[in-house]
Amino acid sequence: GNYVATEERWQIRLSIEGSQLIGKYAKKNILEINDEDVKSWLKGFNINTDEKFEKFVIIKNKNDFLGTGKYANGKIINYISKERRIR
């Protein structure tokens, strides 16, 4: 089966499927990335950003939700599991 979210230190981290279900209703903590950053994200790399967020961020490209990452010190830490990354 699939999971939608996990709880981490009183915060909810959405899975890729969870971000696709919840993302269209979210009002904050959404980072829109460009096509070049999508490739890096799906390969498992972190994304640098000048925007400020609170803890977990939904990653979006156009109408696609690509999962969540954790904001820390100007970057979004990638949480895509190794099995789901593009090589």
Protein backbone atom coordinates (compact mmCIF):
# COMPACT_ATOMS: atom_id res chain seq x y z
CA GLY A 1 0.00 0.00 0.00
CA ASN A 2 0.86 3.64 -0.12
CA TYR A 3 1.13 6.07 2.74
CA VAL A 4 -0.02 9.68 2.59
CA ALA A 5 1.97 11.24 5.42
CA THR A 6 4.20 10.59 8.41
CA GLU A 7 4.48 12.49 11.68
CA GLU A 8 7.91 13.87 12.50
CA ARG A 9 8.37 15.82 15.73
CA TRP A 10 4.80 17.10 15.81
CA GLN A 11 4.95 18.06 12.13
CA ILE A 12 3.32 16.26 9.22
CA ARG A 13 5.48 15.30 6.23
CA LEU A 14 3.48 14.41 3.14
CA SER A 15 4.57 11.65 0.79
CA ILE A 16 4.56 12.25 -2.96
CA GLU A 17 1.01 10.87 -3.10
CA GLY A 18 0.03 12.96 -0.07
CA SER A 19 1.31 16.13 -1.74
CA GLN A 20 -0.72 15.29 -4.84
CA LEU A 21 -3.89 14.82 -2.77
CA ILE A 22 -3.46 17.77 -0.41
CA GLY A 23 -1.39 20.17 -2.54
CA LYS A 24 -4.23 21.72 -4.51
CA TYR A 25 -5.86 22.77 -1.21
CA ALA A 26 -2.69 24.11 0.44
CA LYS A 27 -2.41 27.88 0.90
CA LYS A 28 1.15 28.22 2.23
CA ASN A 29 4.52 26.47 2.30
CA ILE A 30 4.46 25.70 -1.43
CA LEU A 31 7.58 26.15 -3.56
CA GLU A 32 7.04 26.41 -7.30
CA ILE A 33 10.15 25.15 -9.11
CA ASN A 34 11.20 25.37 -12.76
CA ASP A 35 11.70 22.46 -15.16
CA GLU A 36 15.47 22.36 -14.58
CA ASP A 37 15.01 22.11 -10.80
CA VAL A 38 12.44 19.32 -11.32
CA LYS A 39 15.16 17.14 -12.84
CA SER A 40 17.48 17.79 -9.91
CA TRP A 41 14.70 17.23 -7.37
CA LEU A 42 13.66 13.89 -8.89
CA LYS A 43 17.30 12.77 -8.84
CA GLY A 44 17.40 13.40 -5.09
CA PHE A 45 19.24 16.72 -4.89
CA ASN A 46 18.31 19.56 -2.53
CA ILE A 47 16.99 22.87 -3.87
CA ASN A 48 18.32 26.30 -2.86
CA THR A 49 15.77 29.06 -2.36
CA ASP A 50 15.64 32.70 -1.27
CA GLU A 51 12.10 32.25 0.06
CA LYS A 52 11.42 31.60 3.75
CA PHE A 53 9.24 28.67 4.83
CA GLU A 54 8.14 26.86 7.97
CA LYS A 55 9.51 23.31 8.29
CA PHE A 56 8.01 21.12 5.52
CA VAL A 57 7.38 22.50 2.03
CA ILE A 58 5.28 21.11 -0.82
CA ILE A 59 7.25 21.09 -4.08
CA LYS A 60 5.27 22.00 -7.20
CA ASN A 61 5.97 22.43 -10.91
CA LYS A 62 3.11 23.88 -12.95
CA ASN A 63 0.17 21.58 -12.07
CA ASP A 64 2.30 18.72 -10.73
CA PHE A 65 3.02 18.12 -7.04
CA LEU A 66 6.36 16.37 -6.54
CA GLY A 67 6.45 15.64 -2.83
CA THR A 68 7.72 17.51 0.20
CA GLY A 69 11.04 18.64 1.55
CA LYS A 70 12.22 20.24 4.76
CA TYR A 71 13.25 23.90 4.73
CA ALA A 72 16.53 24.66 6.50
CA ASN A 73 18.97 27.55 6.05
CA GLY A 74 17.93 28.60 2.55
CA LYS A 75 17.48 25.19 1.03
CA ILE A 76 14.84 22.49 0.73
CA ILE A 77 16.13 19.10 1.85
CA ASN A 78 14.93 16.31 -0.44
CA TYR A 79 12.91 13.47 1.11
CA ILE A 80 12.36 11.32 -1.98
CA SER A 81 13.41 7.77 -1.13
CA LYS A 82 16.30 6.27 -3.09
CA GLU A 83 13.98 3.70 -4.70
CA ARG A 84 11.83 6.45 -6.22
CA ARG A 85 14.59 8.73 -7.50
CA ILE A 86 15.45 9.02 -11.17
CA ARG A 87 18.95 7.81 -11.98
